Amino acid sequence: MIHSDLFTSIPPKKYDLIITNPPYVDQKTLGMLPKEYQMEPVISLRAGEDGLKFIKKILRYSSYFLNENGLLICEVGENIMNLFSRFPKVNFKILKLKNKGKGVFCIGKRQIFENQKFF
């Protein structure tokens, strides 16, 4: 496991899998979060006007760090619809999770590379 602020501390090699849980709360939702979330540092939640600020960067640069058959798994939470709206031509695979978890997608390097112009 490698801990990094986006891709700043990642060694320049290729990986089979990148799993990320970036900040993904949009500006509007930030002020309406339940009380338990208000204890979290804002930097771990806030992700710009549409909640996709970091996710767009991850999509833009992850193909440089993935093997040919590598996968990116990323949590976007409630912003899953913003993701679809922002990138309607990208076929994100939404993962079904236990315990009613939602808002996690998977995308392969090939798909990321083919859709690079959108990111």
PDB file of N, CA and C in Angstrom:
ATOM      1  N   MET A   1       0.841  -1.159   0.000  1.00  0.00           N
ATOM      2  CA  MET A   1       0.000   0.000   0.000  1.00  0.00           C
ATOM      3  C   MET A   1       0.897   1.237   0.000  1.00  0.00           C
ATOM      4  N   ILE A   2       0.474   2.227  -0.771  1.00  0.00           N
ATOM      5  CA  ILE A   2       1.194   3.493  -0.857  1.00  0.00           C
ATOM      6  C   ILE A   2       0.227   4.610  -0.497  1.00  0.00           C
ATOM      7  N   HIS A   3       0.635   5.466   0.402  1.00  0.00           N
ATOM      8  CA  HIS A   3      -0.170   6.628   0.796  1.00  0.00           C
ATOM      9  C   HIS A   3       0.401   7.844   0.072  1.00  0.00           C
ATOM     10  N   SER A   4      -0.460   8.560  -0.642  1.00  0.00           N
ATOM     11  CA  SER A   4       0.026   9.695  -1.428  1.00  0.00           C
ATOM     12  C   SER A   4      -1.054  10.756  -1.553  1.00  0.00           C
ATOM     13  N   ASP A   5      -0.624  11.995  -1.697  1.00  0.00           N
ATOM     14  CA  ASP A   5      -1.529  13.095  -2.007  1.00  0.00           C
ATOM     15  C   ASP A   5      -1.667  13.120  -3.525  1.00  0.00           C
ATOM     16  N   LEU A   6      -2.756  12.555  -4.018  1.00  0.00           N
ATOM     17  CA  LEU A   6      -2.938  12.270  -5.437  1.00  0.00           C
ATOM     18  C   LEU A   6      -1.732  11.467  -5.924  1.00  0.00           C
ATOM     19  N   PHE A   7      -1.015  11.933  -6.907  1.00  0.00           N
ATOM     20  CA  PHE A   7       0.079  11.124  -7.455  1.00  0.00           C
ATOM     21  C   PHE A   7       1.456  11.658  -7.082  1.00  0.00           C
ATOM     22  N   THR A   8       1.534  12.570  -6.116  1.00  0.00           N
ATOM     23  CA  THR A   8       2.800  13.226  -5.799  1.00  0.00           C
ATOM     24  C   THR A   8       3.858  12.297  -5.213  1.00  0.00           C
ATOM     25  N   SER A   9       3.459  11.271  -4.466  1.00  0.00           N
ATOM     26  CA  SER A   9       4.426  10.390  -3.798  1.00  0.00           C
ATOM     27  C   SER A   9       4.452   8.982  -4.372  1.00  0.00           C
ATOM     28  N   ILE A  10       3.868   8.789  -5.513  1.00  0.00           N
ATOM     29  CA  ILE A  10       3.818   7.450  -6.102  1.00  0.00           C
ATOM     30  C   ILE A  10       5.075   7.213  -6.934  1.00  0.00           C
ATOM     31  N   PRO A  11       5.784   6.114  -6.646  1.00  0.00           N
ATOM     32  CA  PRO A  11       6.964   5.795  -7.460  1.00  0.00           C
ATOM     33  C   PRO A  11       6.578   5.641  -8.934  1.00  0.00           C
ATOM     34  N   PRO A  12       7.461   6.061  -9.836  1.00  0.00           N
ATOM     35  CA  PRO A  12       7.144   6.009 -11.273  1.00  0.00           C
ATOM     36  C   PRO A  12       7.219   4.589 -11.827  1.00  0.00           C
ATOM     37  N   LYS A  13       6.214   3.791 -11.501  1.00  0.00           N
ATOM     38  CA  LYS A  13       6.102   2.452 -12.062  1.00  0.00           C
ATOM     39  C   LYS A  13       4.635   2.176 -12.331  1.00  0.00           C
ATOM     40  N   LYS A  14       4.332   0.997 -12.849  1.00  0.00           N
ATOM     41  CA  LYS A  14       2.957   0.652 -13.224  1.00  0.00           C
ATOM     42  C   LYS A  14       2.345  -0.273 -12.173  1.00  0.00           C
ATOM     43  N   TYR A  15       1.033  -0.102 -11.956  1.00  0.00           N
ATOM     44  CA  TYR A  15       0.314  -0.861 -10.938  1.00  0.00           C
ATOM     45  C   TYR A  15      -0.859  -1.598 -11.573  1.00  0.00           C
ATOM     46  N   ASP A  16      -1.220  -2.718 -10.962  1.00  0.00           N
ATOM     47  CA  ASP A  16      -2.383  -3.477 -11.411  1.00  0.00           C
ATOM     48  C   ASP A  16      -3.675  -2.832 -10.933  1.00  0.00           C
ATOM     49  N   LEU A  17      -3.609  -2.175  -9.777  1.00  0.00           N
ATOM     50  CA  LEU A  17      -4.815  -1.661  -9.140  1.00  0.00           C
ATOM     51  C   LEU A  17      -4.507  -0.375  -8.384  1.00  0.00           C
ATOM     52  N   ILE A  18      -5.363   0.613  -8.578  1.00  0.00           N
ATOM     53  CA  ILE A  18      -5.331   1.837  -7.776  1.00  0.00           C
ATOM     54  C   ILE A  18      -6.702   1.958  -7.127  1.00  0.00           C
ATOM     55  N   ILE A  19      -6.702   2.057  -5.802  1.00  0.00           N
ATOM     56  CA  ILE A  19      -7.942   2.243  -5.044  1.00  0.00           C
ATOM     57  C   ILE A  19      -7.841   3.595  -4.357  1.00  0.00           C
ATOM     58  N   THR A  20      -8.874   4.406  -4.507  1.00  0.00           N
ATOM     59  CA  THR A  20      -8.818   5.748  -3.943  1.00  0.00           C
ATOM     60  C   THR A  20     -10.159   6.172  -3.347  1.00  0.00           C
ATOM     61  N   ASN A  21     -10.066   6.919  -2.271  1.00  0.00           N
ATOM     62  CA  ASN A  21     -11.232   7.489  -1.602  1.00  0.00           C
ATOM     63  C   ASN A  21     -10.956   8.985  -1.414  1.00  0.00           C
ATOM     64  N   PRO A  22     -11.009   9.740  -2.510  1.00  0.00           N
ATOM     65  CA  PRO A  22     -10.680  11.166  -2.428  1.00  0.00           C
ATOM     66  C   PRO A  22     -11.832  11.968  -1.821  1.00  0.00           C
ATOM     67  N   PRO A  23     -11.575  13.213  -1.444  1.00  0.00           N
ATOM     68  CA  PRO A  23     -12.692  14.085  -1.068  1.00  0.00           C
ATOM     69  C   PRO A  23     -13.667  14.184  -2.247  1.00  0.00           C
ATOM     70  N   TYR A  24     -14.979  14.157  -1.956  1.00  0.00           N
ATOM     71  CA  TYR A  24     -15.954  14.219  -3.049  1.00  0.00           C
ATOM     72  C   TYR A  24     -17.234  14.963  -2.677  1.00  0.00           C
ATOM     73  N   VAL A  25     -17.192  15.778  -1.643  1.00  0.00           N
ATOM     74  CA  VAL A  25     -18.394  16.513  -1.234  1.00  0.00           C
ATOM     75  C   VAL A  25     -18.418  17.853  -1.966  1.00  0.00           C
ATOM     76  N   ASP A  26     -19.521  18.123  -2.658  1.00  0.00           N
ATOM     77  CA  ASP A  26     -19.638  19.387  -3.386  1.00  0.00           C
ATOM     78  C   ASP A  26     -19.931  20.531  -2.419  1.00  0.00           C
ATOM     79  N   GLN A  27     -19.734  21.742  -2.888  1.00  0.00           N
ATOM     80  CA  GLN A  27     -19.853  22.935  -2.051  1.00  0.00           C
ATOM     81  C   GLN A  27     -21.241  23.061  -1.420  1.00  0.00           C
ATOM     82  N   LYS A  28     -22.279  22.794  -2.185  1.00  0.00           N
ATOM     83  CA  LYS A  28     -23.653  22.928  -1.686  1.00  0.00           C
ATOM     84  C   LYS A  28     -23.929  21.946  -0.548  1.00  0.00           C
ATOM     85  N   THR A  29     -23.477  20.709  -0.708  1.00  0.00           N
ATOM     86  CA  THR A  29     -23.742  19.660   0.269  1.00  0.00           C
ATOM     87  C   THR A  29     -22.912  19.832   1.536  1.00  0.00           C
ATOM     88  N   LEU A  30     -21.766  20.452   1.423  1.00  0.00           N
ATOM     89  CA  LEU A  30     -20.839  20.579   2.547  1.00  0.00           C
ATOM     90  C   LEU A  30     -21.511  21.172   3.784  1.00  0.00           C
ATOM     91  N   GLY A  31     -22.324  22.187   3.613  1.00  0.00           N
ATOM     92  CA  GLY A  31     -22.994  22.824   4.738  1.00  0.00           C
ATOM     93  C   GLY A  31     -24.202  22.072   5.260  1.00  0.00           C
ATOM     94  N   MET A  32     -24.614  21.020   4.562  1.00  0.00           N
ATOM     95  CA  MET A  32     -25.808  20.270   4.960  1.00  0.00           C
ATOM     96  C   MET A  32     -25.483  18.866   5.465  1.00  0.00           C
ATOM     97  N   LEU A  33     -24.218  18.574   5.695  1.00  0.00           N
ATOM     98  CA  LEU A  33     -23.830  17.237   6.131  1.00  0.00           C
ATOM     99  C   LEU A  33     -24.336  16.957   7.544  1.00  0.00           C
ATOM    100  N   PRO A  34     -24.638  15.691   7.845  1.00  0.00           N
ATOM    101  CA  PRO A  34     -25.034  15.331   9.208  1.00  0.00           C
ATOM    102  C   PRO A  34     -23.937  15.691  10.219  1.00  0.00           C
ATOM    103  N   LYS A  35     -24.335  15.813  11.455  1.00  0.00           N
ATOM    104  CA  LYS A  35     -23.443  16.278  12.511  1.00  0.00           C
ATOM    105  C   LYS A  35     -22.152  15.461  12.606  1.00  0.00           C
ATOM    106  N   GLU A  36     -22.234  14.138  12.436  1.00  0.00           N
ATOM    107  CA  GLU A  36     -21.032  13.306  12.581  1.00  0.00           C
ATOM    108  C   GLU A  36     -19.963  13.632  11.532  1.00  0.00           C
ATOM    109  N   TYR A  37     -20.384  14.111  10.365  1.00  0.00           N
ATOM    110  CA  TYR A  37     -19.423  14.488   9.325  1.00  0.00           C
ATOM    111  C   TYR A  37     -18.772  15.833   9.622  1.00  0.00           C
ATOM    112  N   GLN A  38     -19.431  16.651  10.401  1.00  0.00           N
ATOM    113  CA  GLN A  38     -18.899  17.968  10.711  1.00  0.00           C
ATOM    114  C   GLN A  38     -17.682  17.901  11.634  1.00  0.00           C
ATOM    115  N   MET A  39     -17.415  16.718  12.183  1.00  0.00           N
ATOM    116  CA  MET A  39     -16.230  16.514  13.013  1.00  0.00           C
ATOM    117  C   MET A  39     -14.997  16.220  12.160  1.00  0.00           C
ATOM    118  N   GLU A  40     -15.208  15.876  10.896  1.00  0.00           N
ATOM    119  CA  GLU A  40     -14.108  15.566   9.978  1.00  0.00           C
ATOM    120  C   GLU A  40     -13.418  16.854   9.532  1.00  0.00           C
ATOM    121  N   PRO A  41     -12.116  16.785   9.275  1.00  0.00           N
ATOM    122  CA  PRO A  41     -11.448  17.962   8.711  1.00  0.00           C
ATOM    123  C   PRO A  41     -12.056  18.295   7.346  1.00  0.00           C
ATOM    124  N   VAL A  42     -12.342  19.543   7.104  1.00  0.00           N
ATOM    125  CA  VAL A  42     -12.975  19.966   5.853  1.00  0.00           C
ATOM    126  C   VAL A  42     -12.145  19.541   4.645  1.00  0.00           C
ATOM    127  N   ILE A  43     -10.830  19.537   4.790  1.00  0.00           N
ATOM    128  CA  ILE A  43      -9.952  19.169   3.675  1.00  0.00           C
ATOM    129  C   ILE A  43     -10.186  17.725   3.213  1.00  0.00           C
ATOM    130  N   SER A  44     -10.704  16.880   4.107  1.00  0.00           N
ATOM    131  CA  SER A  44     -10.956  15.486   3.731  1.00  0.00           C
ATOM    132  C   SER A  44     -12.308  15.302   3.048  1.00  0.00           C
ATOM    133  N   LEU A  45     -13.096  16.357   2.967  1.00  0.00           N
ATOM    134  CA  LEU A  45     -14.437  16.277   2.389  1.00  0.00           C
ATOM    135  C   LEU A  45     -14.614  17.146   1.147  1.00  0.00           C
ATOM    136  N   ARG A  46     -14.185  18.393   1.232  1.00  0.00           N
ATOM    137  CA  ARG A  46     -14.466  19.402   0.205  1.00  0.00           C
ATOM    138  C   ARG A  46     -13.769  19.082  -1.117  1.00  0.00           C
ATOM    139  N   ALA A  47     -14.563  19.111  -2.192  1.00  0.00           N
ATOM    140  CA  ALA A  47     -14.023  18.774  -3.521  1.00  0.00           C
ATOM    141  C   ALA A  47     -14.551  19.708  -4.600  1.00  0.00           C
ATOM    142  N   GLY A  48     -14.621  20.981  -4.307  1.00  0.00           N
ATOM    143  CA  GLY A  48     -15.018  21.949  -5.319  1.00  0.00           C
ATOM    144  C   GLY A  48     -16.513  22.060  -5.526  1.00  0.00           C
ATOM    145  N   GLU A  49     -16.867  22.874  -6.479  1.00  0.00           N
ATOM    146  CA  GLU A  49     -18.272  23.190  -6.762  1.00  0.00           C
ATOM    147  C   GLU A  49     -19.101  21.953  -7.087  1.00  0.00           C
ATOM    148  N   ASP A  50     -18.568  21.045  -7.892  1.00  0.00           N
ATOM    149  CA  ASP A  50     -19.340  19.869  -8.316  1.00  0.00           C
ATOM    150  C   ASP A  50     -18.959  18.587  -7.580  1.00  0.00           C
ATOM    151  N   GLY A  51     -18.006  18.664  -6.651  1.00  0.00           N
ATOM    152  CA  GLY A  51     -17.583  17.483  -5.906  1.00  0.00           C
ATOM    153  C   GLY A  51     -16.654  16.562  -6.675  1.00  0.00           C
ATOM    154  N   LEU A  52     -16.221  16.993  -7.843  1.00  0.00           N
ATOM    155  CA  LEU A  52     -15.398  16.136  -8.699  1.00  0.00           C
ATOM    156  C   LEU A  52     -13.973  16.663  -8.894  1.00  0.00           C
ATOM    157  N   LYS A  53     -13.593  17.678  -8.154  1.00  0.00           N
ATOM    158  CA  LYS A  53     -12.283  18.312  -8.346  1.00  0.00           C
ATOM    159  C   LYS A  53     -11.145  17.290  -8.348  1.00  0.00           C
ATOM    160  N   PHE A  54     -11.092  16.428  -7.354  1.00  0.00           N
ATOM    161  CA  PHE A  54     -10.002  15.455  -7.250  1.00  0.00           C
ATOM    162  C   PHE A  54     -10.239  14.250  -8.147  1.00  0.00           C
ATOM    163  N   ILE A  55     -11.472  13.877  -8.311  1.00  0.00           N
ATOM    164  CA  ILE A  55     -11.800  12.722  -9.156  1.00  0.00           C
ATOM    165  C   ILE A  55     -11.398  12.988 -10.598  1.00  0.00           C
ATOM    166  N   LYS A  56     -11.611  14.210 -11.074  1.00  0.00           N
ATOM    167  CA  LYS A  56     -11.191  14.559 -12.440  1.00  0.00           C
ATOM    168  C   LYS A  56      -9.676  14.428 -12.591  1.00  0.00           C
ATOM    169  N   LYS A  57      -8.927  14.856 -11.592  1.00  0.00           N
ATOM    170  CA  LYS A  57      -7.465  14.735 -11.645  1.00  0.00           C
ATOM    171  C   LYS A  57      -7.038  13.268 -11.614  1.00  0.00           C
ATOM    172  N   ILE A  58      -7.702  12.487 -10.792  1.00  0.00           N
ATOM    173  CA  ILE A  58      -7.378  11.057 -10.710  1.00  0.00           C
ATOM    174  C   ILE A  58      -7.642  10.388 -12.048  1.00  0.00           C
ATOM    175  N   LEU A  59      -8.765  10.692 -12.660  1.00  0.00           N
ATOM    176  CA  LEU A  59      -9.073  10.121 -13.973  1.00  0.00           C
ATOM    177  C   LEU A  59      -8.069  10.595 -15.026  1.00  0.00           C
ATOM    178  N   ARG A  60      -7.665  11.836 -14.950  1.00  0.00           N
ATOM    179  CA  ARG A  60      -6.742  12.405 -15.934  1.00  0.00           C
ATOM    180  C   ARG A  60      -5.362  11.746 -15.876  1.00  0.00           C
ATOM    181  N   TYR A  61      -4.875  11.427 -14.671  1.00  0.00           N
ATOM    182  CA  TYR A  61      -3.493  10.972 -14.526  1.00  0.00           C
ATOM    183  C   TYR A  61      -3.317   9.487 -14.201  1.00  0.00           C
ATOM    184  N   SER A  62      -4.359   8.799 -13.802  1.00  0.00           N
ATOM    185  CA  SER A  62      -4.194   7.407 -13.363  1.00  0.00           C
ATOM    186  C   SER A  62      -3.697   6.474 -14.459  1.00  0.00           C
ATOM    187  N   SER A  63      -4.016   6.740 -15.713  1.00  0.00           N
ATOM    188  CA  SER A  63      -3.576   5.836 -16.785  1.00  0.00           C
ATOM    189  C   SER A  63      -2.052   5.773 -16.883  1.00  0.00           C
ATOM    190  N   TYR A  64      -1.359   6.809 -16.448  1.00  0.00           N
ATOM    191  CA  TYR A  64       0.107   6.807 -16.468  1.00  0.00           C
ATOM    192  C   TYR A  64       0.702   5.851 -15.433  1.00  0.00           C
ATOM    193  N   PHE A  65      -0.119   5.454 -14.456  1.00  0.00           N
ATOM    194  CA  PHE A  65       0.369   4.610 -13.368  1.00  0.00           C
ATOM    195  C   PHE A  65      -0.217   3.198 -13.391  1.00  0.00           C
ATOM    196  N   LEU A  66      -1.049   2.899 -14.373  1.00  0.00           N
ATOM    197  CA  LEU A  66      -1.685   1.584 -14.448  1.00  0.00           C
ATOM    198  C   LEU A  66      -1.047   0.710 -15.521  1.00  0.00           C
ATOM    199  N   ASN A  67      -0.949  -0.600 -15.219  1.00  0.00           N
ATOM    200  CA  ASN A  67      -0.547  -1.577 -16.229  1.00  0.00           C
ATOM    201  C   ASN A  67      -1.601  -1.616 -17.321  1.00  0.00           C
ATOM    202  N   GLU A  68      -1.290  -2.270 -18.426  1.00  0.00           N
ATOM    203  CA  GLU A  68      -2.230  -2.345 -19.555  1.00  0.00           C
ATOM    204  C   GLU A  68      -3.613  -2.840 -19.143  1.00  0.00           C
ATOM    205  N   ASN A  69      -3.678  -3.818 -18.247  1.00  0.00           N
ATOM    206  CA  ASN A  69      -4.969  -4.340 -17.784  1.00  0.00           C
ATOM    207  C   ASN A  69      -5.320  -3.823 -16.393  1.00  0.00           C
ATOM    208  N   GLY A  70      -4.686  -2.726 -15.982  1.00  0.00           N
ATOM    209  CA  GLY A  70      -4.898  -2.176 -14.652  1.00  0.00           C
ATOM    210  C   GLY A  70      -6.283  -1.577 -14.465  1.00  0.00           C
ATOM    211  N   LEU A  71      -6.691  -1.502 -13.204  1.00  0.00           N
ATOM    212  CA  LEU A  71      -8.010  -0.977 -12.841  1.00  0.00           C
ATOM    213  C   LEU A  71      -7.889   0.152 -11.830  1.00  0.00           C
ATOM    214  N   LEU A  72      -8.800   1.096 -11.959  1.00  0.00           N
ATOM    215  CA  LEU A  72      -8.958   2.170 -10.985  1.00  0.00           C
ATOM    216  C   LEU A  72     -10.297   1.952 -10.297  1.00  0.00           C
ATOM    217  N   ILE A  73     -10.281   1.918  -8.962  1.00  0.00           N
ATOM    218  CA  ILE A  73     -11.512   1.857  -8.170  1.00  0.00           C
ATOM    219  C   ILE A  73     -11.548   3.133  -7.345  1.00  0.00           C
ATOM    220  N   CYS A  74     -12.665   3.852  -7.436  1.00  0.00           N
ATOM    221  CA  CYS A  74     -12.744   5.178  -6.824  1.00  0.00           C
ATOM    222  C   CYS A  74     -14.116   5.396  -6.190  1.00  0.00           C
ATOM    223  N   GLU A  75     -14.108   5.917  -4.973  1.00  0.00           N
ATOM    224  CA  GLU A  75     -15.364   6.261  -4.308  1.00  0.00           C
ATOM    225  C   GLU A  75     -15.746   7.691  -4.661  1.00  0.00           C
ATOM    226  N   VAL A  76     -17.009   7.881  -5.047  1.00  0.00           N
ATOM    227  CA  VAL A  76     -17.529   9.214  -5.347  1.00  0.00           C
ATOM    228  C   VAL A  76     -18.769   9.536  -4.525  1.00  0.00           C
ATOM    229  N   GLY A  77     -19.240   8.575  -3.756  1.00  0.00           N
ATOM    230  CA  GLY A  77     -20.383   8.785  -2.876  1.00  0.00           C
ATOM    231  C   GLY A  77     -21.623   9.258  -3.608  1.00  0.00           C
ATOM    232  N   GLU A  78     -22.281  10.222  -3.025  1.00  0.00           N
ATOM    233  CA  GLU A  78     -23.521  10.759  -3.581  1.00  0.00           C
ATOM    234  C   GLU A  78     -23.304  11.503  -4.894  1.00  0.00           C
ATOM    235  N   ASN A  79     -22.069  11.786  -5.230  1.00  0.00           N
ATOM    236  CA  ASN A  79     -21.779  12.511  -6.469  1.00  0.00           C
ATOM    237  C   ASN A  79     -21.728  11.618  -7.692  1.00  0.00           C
ATOM    238  N   ILE A  80     -22.207  10.425  -7.571  1.00  0.00           N
ATOM    239  CA  ILE A  80     -22.206   9.501  -8.707  1.00  0.00           C
ATOM    240  C   ILE A  80     -22.986  10.092  -9.885  1.00  0.00           C
ATOM    241  N   MET A  81     -24.071  10.785  -9.611  1.00  0.00           N
ATOM    242  CA  MET A  81     -24.857  11.384 -10.693  1.00  0.00           C
ATOM    243  C   MET A  81     -24.109  12.561 -11.326  1.00  0.00           C
ATOM    244  N   ASN A  82     -23.368  13.323 -10.518  1.00  0.00           N
ATOM    245  CA  ASN A  82     -22.532  14.390 -11.080  1.00  0.00           C
ATOM    246  C   ASN A  82     -21.481  13.803 -12.015  1.00  0.00           C
ATOM    247  N   LEU A  83     -20.935  12.655 -11.630  1.00  0.00           N
ATOM    248  CA  LEU A  83     -19.939  11.982 -12.466  1.00  0.00           C
ATOM    249  C   LEU A  83     -20.545  11.601 -13.812  1.00  0.00           C
ATOM    250  N   PHE A  84     -21.734  11.006 -13.778  1.00  0.00           N
ATOM    251  CA  PHE A  84     -22.416  10.618 -15.025  1.00  0.00           C
ATOM    252  C   PHE A  84     -22.738  11.838 -15.880  1.00  0.00           C
ATOM    253  N   SER A  85     -23.184  12.914 -15.245  1.00  0.00           N
ATOM    254  CA  SER A  85     -23.526  14.133 -15.986  1.00  0.00           C
ATOM    255  C   SER A  85     -22.292  14.772 -16.617  1.00  0.00           C
ATOM    256  N   ARG A  86     -21.209  14.785 -15.881  1.00  0.00           N
ATOM    257  CA  ARG A  86     -19.975  15.420 -16.356  1.00  0.00           C
ATOM    258  C   ARG A  86     -19.314  14.619 -17.473  1.00  0.00           C
ATOM    259  N   PHE A  87     -19.427  13.283 -17.394  1.00  0.00           N
ATOM    260  CA  PHE A  87     -18.778  12.401 -18.371  1.00  0.00           C
ATOM    261  C   PHE A  87     -19.785  11.410 -18.960  1.00  0.00           C
ATOM    262  N   PRO A  88     -20.772  11.881 -19.706  1.00  0.00           N
ATOM    263  CA  PRO A  88     -21.847  10.998 -20.185  1.00  0.00           C
ATOM    264  C   PRO A  88     -21.381   9.921 -21.164  1.00  0.00           C
ATOM    265  N   LYS A  89     -20.261  10.115 -21.829  1.00  0.00           N
ATOM    266  CA  LYS A  89     -19.800   9.134 -22.818  1.00  0.00           C
ATOM    267  C   LYS A  89     -18.894   8.066 -22.218  1.00  0.00           C
ATOM    268  N   VAL A  90     -18.576   8.198 -20.942  1.00  0.00           N
ATOM    269  CA  VAL A  90     -17.686   7.239 -20.289  1.00  0.00           C
ATOM    270  C   VAL A  90     -18.530   6.162 -19.614  1.00  0.00           C
ATOM    271  N   ASN A  91     -18.188   4.914 -19.874  1.00  0.00           N
ATOM    272  CA  ASN A  91     -18.942   3.783 -19.329  1.00  0.00           C
ATOM    273  C   ASN A  91     -18.319   3.322 -18.012  1.00  0.00           C
ATOM    274  N   PHE A  92     -18.630   4.034 -16.929  1.00  0.00           N
ATOM    275  CA  PHE A  92     -18.139   3.655 -15.614  1.00  0.00           C
ATOM    276  C   PHE A  92     -18.894   2.421 -15.138  1.00  0.00           C
ATOM    277  N   LYS A  93     -18.198   1.481 -14.528  1.00  0.00           N
ATOM    278  CA  LYS A  93     -18.862   0.316 -13.941  1.00  0.00           C
ATOM    279  C   LYS A  93     -19.071   0.621 -12.458  1.00  0.00           C
ATOM    280  N   ILE A  94     -20.329   0.633 -12.047  1.00  0.00           N
ATOM    281  CA  ILE A  94     -20.653   0.909 -10.651  1.00  0.00           C
ATOM    282  C   ILE A  94     -20.606  -0.403  -9.881  1.00  0.00           C
ATOM    283  N   LEU A  95     -19.872  -0.410  -8.790  1.00  0.00           N
ATOM    284  CA  LEU A  95     -19.707  -1.624  -8.001  1.00  0.00           C
ATOM    285  C   LEU A  95     -20.851  -1.773  -7.008  1.00  0.00           C
ATOM    286  N   LYS A  96     -21.325  -2.998  -6.876  1.00  0.00           N
ATOM    287  CA  LYS A  96     -22.336  -3.310  -5.866  1.00  0.00           C
ATOM    288  C   LYS A  96     -21.597  -3.730  -4.607  1.00  0.00           C
ATOM    289  N   LEU A  97     -21.892  -3.053  -3.518  1.00  0.00           N
ATOM    290  CA  LEU A  97     -21.181  -3.289  -2.272  1.00  0.00           C
ATOM    291  C   LEU A  97     -22.105  -3.844  -1.203  1.00  0.00           C
ATOM    292  N   LYS A  98     -21.528  -4.580  -0.274  1.00  0.00           N
ATOM    293  CA  LYS A  98     -22.292  -5.074   0.869  1.00  0.00           C
ATOM    294  C   LYS A  98     -22.630  -3.901   1.778  1.00  0.00           C
ATOM    295  N   ASN A  99     -23.553  -4.113   2.678  1.00  0.00           N
ATOM    296  CA  ASN A  99     -23.945  -3.101   3.665  1.00  0.00           C
ATOM    297  C   ASN A  99     -24.467  -1.817   3.033  1.00  0.00           C
ATOM    298  N   LYS A 100     -25.099  -1.949   1.878  1.00  0.00           N
ATOM    299  CA  LYS A 100     -25.748  -0.827   1.202  1.00  0.00           C
ATOM    300  C   LYS A 100     -24.785   0.277   0.784  1.00  0.00           C
ATOM    301  N   GLY A 101     -23.518  -0.039   0.676  1.00  0.00           N
ATOM    302  CA  GLY A 101     -22.556   0.949   0.203  1.00  0.00           C
ATOM    303  C   GLY A 101     -22.860   1.316  -1.236  1.00  0.00           C
ATOM    304  N   LYS A 102     -22.612   2.553  -1.596  1.00  0.00           N
ATOM    305  CA  LYS A 102     -22.870   2.982  -2.966  1.00  0.00           C
ATOM    306  C   LYS A 102     -21.904   4.095  -3.340  1.00  0.00           C
ATOM    307  N   GLY A 103     -21.862   4.377  -4.624  1.00  0.00           N
ATOM    308  CA  GLY A 103     -21.031   5.472  -5.080  1.00  0.00           C
ATOM    309  C   GLY A 103     -19.578   5.109  -5.298  1.00  0.00           C
ATOM    310  N   VAL A 104     -19.323   3.851  -5.706  1.00  0.00           N
ATOM    311  CA  VAL A 104     -17.963   3.421  -6.020  1.00  0.00           C
ATOM    312  C   VAL A 104     -17.950   2.917  -7.453  1.00  0.00           C
ATOM    313  N   PHE A 105     -16.998   3.411  -8.250  1.00  0.00           N
ATOM    314  CA  PHE A 105     -16.917   2.959  -9.633  1.00  0.00           C
ATOM    315  C   PHE A 105     -15.575   2.301  -9.912  1.00  0.00           C
ATOM    316  N   CYS A 106     -15.557   1.548 -10.994  1.00  0.00           N
ATOM    317  CA  CYS A 106     -14.352   0.888 -11.474  1.00  0.00           C
ATOM    318  C   CYS A 106     -14.220   1.218 -12.958  1.00  0.00           C
ATOM    319  N   ILE A 107     -12.987   1.451 -13.388  1.00  0.00           N
ATOM    320  CA  ILE A 107     -12.735   1.724 -14.793  1.00  0.00           C
ATOM    321  C   ILE A 107     -11.329   1.215 -15.118  1.00  0.00           C
ATOM    322  N   GLY A 108     -11.186   0.631 -16.284  1.00  0.00           N
ATOM    323  CA  GLY A 108      -9.901   0.092 -16.702  1.00  0.00           C
ATOM    324  C   GLY A 108      -9.031   1.126 -17.384  1.00  0.00           C
ATOM    325  N   LYS A 109      -7.735   0.836 -17.429  1.00  0.00           N
ATOM    326  CA  LYS A 109      -6.782   1.759 -18.046  1.00  0.00           C
ATOM    327  C   LYS A 109      -7.156   2.066 -19.489  1.00  0.00           C
ATOM    328  N   ARG A 110      -7.533   1.046 -20.233  1.00  0.00           N
ATOM    329  CA  ARG A 110      -7.869   1.250 -21.644  1.00  0.00           C
ATOM    330  C   ARG A 110      -8.994   2.264 -21.787  1.00  0.00           C
ATOM    331  N   GLN A 111     -10.019   2.119 -20.958  1.00  0.00           N
ATOM    332  CA  GLN A 111     -11.151   3.053 -21.003  1.00  0.00           C
ATOM    333  C   GLN A 111     -10.731   4.462 -20.588  1.00  0.00           C
ATOM    334  N   ILE A 112      -9.889   4.541 -19.574  1.00  0.00           N
ATOM    335  CA  ILE A 112      -9.400   5.852 -19.137  1.00  0.00           C
ATOM    336  C   ILE A 112      -8.645   6.516 -20.283  1.00  0.00           C
ATOM    337  N   PHE A 113      -7.756   5.753 -20.904  1.00  0.00           N
ATOM    338  CA  PHE A 113      -6.945   6.283 -21.997  1.00  0.00           C
ATOM    339  C   PHE A 113      -7.817   6.722 -23.174  1.00  0.00           C
ATOM    340  N   GLU A 114      -8.805   5.896 -23.535  1.00  0.00           N
ATOM    341  CA  GLU A 114      -9.686   6.216 -24.664  1.00  0.00           C
ATOM    342  C   GLU A 114     -10.541   7.448 -24.404  1.00  0.00           C
ATOM    343  N   ASN A 115     -10.800   7.755 -23.149  1.00  0.00           N
ATOM    344  CA  ASN A 115     -11.647   8.899 -22.789  1.00  0.00           C
ATOM    345  C   ASN A 115     -10.852  10.068 -22.228  1.00  0.00           C
ATOM    346  N   GLN A 116      -9.550  10.040 -22.383  1.00  0.00           N
ATOM    347  CA  GLN A 116      -8.658  11.050 -21.818  1.00  0.00           C
ATOM    348  C   GLN A 116      -9.083  12.475 -22.162  1.00  0.00           C
ATOM    349  N   LYS A 117      -9.587  12.682 -23.356  1.00  0.00           N
ATOM    350  CA  LYS A 117      -9.965  14.038 -23.776  1.00  0.00           C
ATOM    351  C   LYS A 117     -11.103  14.620 -22.940  1.00  0.00           C
ATOM    352  N   PHE A 118     -11.896  13.768 -22.293  1.00  0.00           N
ATOM    353  CA  PHE A 118     -13.008  14.243 -21.470  1.00  0.00           C
ATOM    354  C   PHE A 118     -12.562  14.637 -20.065  1.00  0.00           C
ATOM    355  N   PHE A 119     -11.427  14.099 -19.635  1.00  0.00           N
ATOM    356  CA  PHE A 119     -10.971  14.347 -18.274  1.00  0.00           C
ATOM    357  C   PHE A 119     -10.086  15.576 -18.217  1.00  0.00           C
TER     358      PHE A 119
END
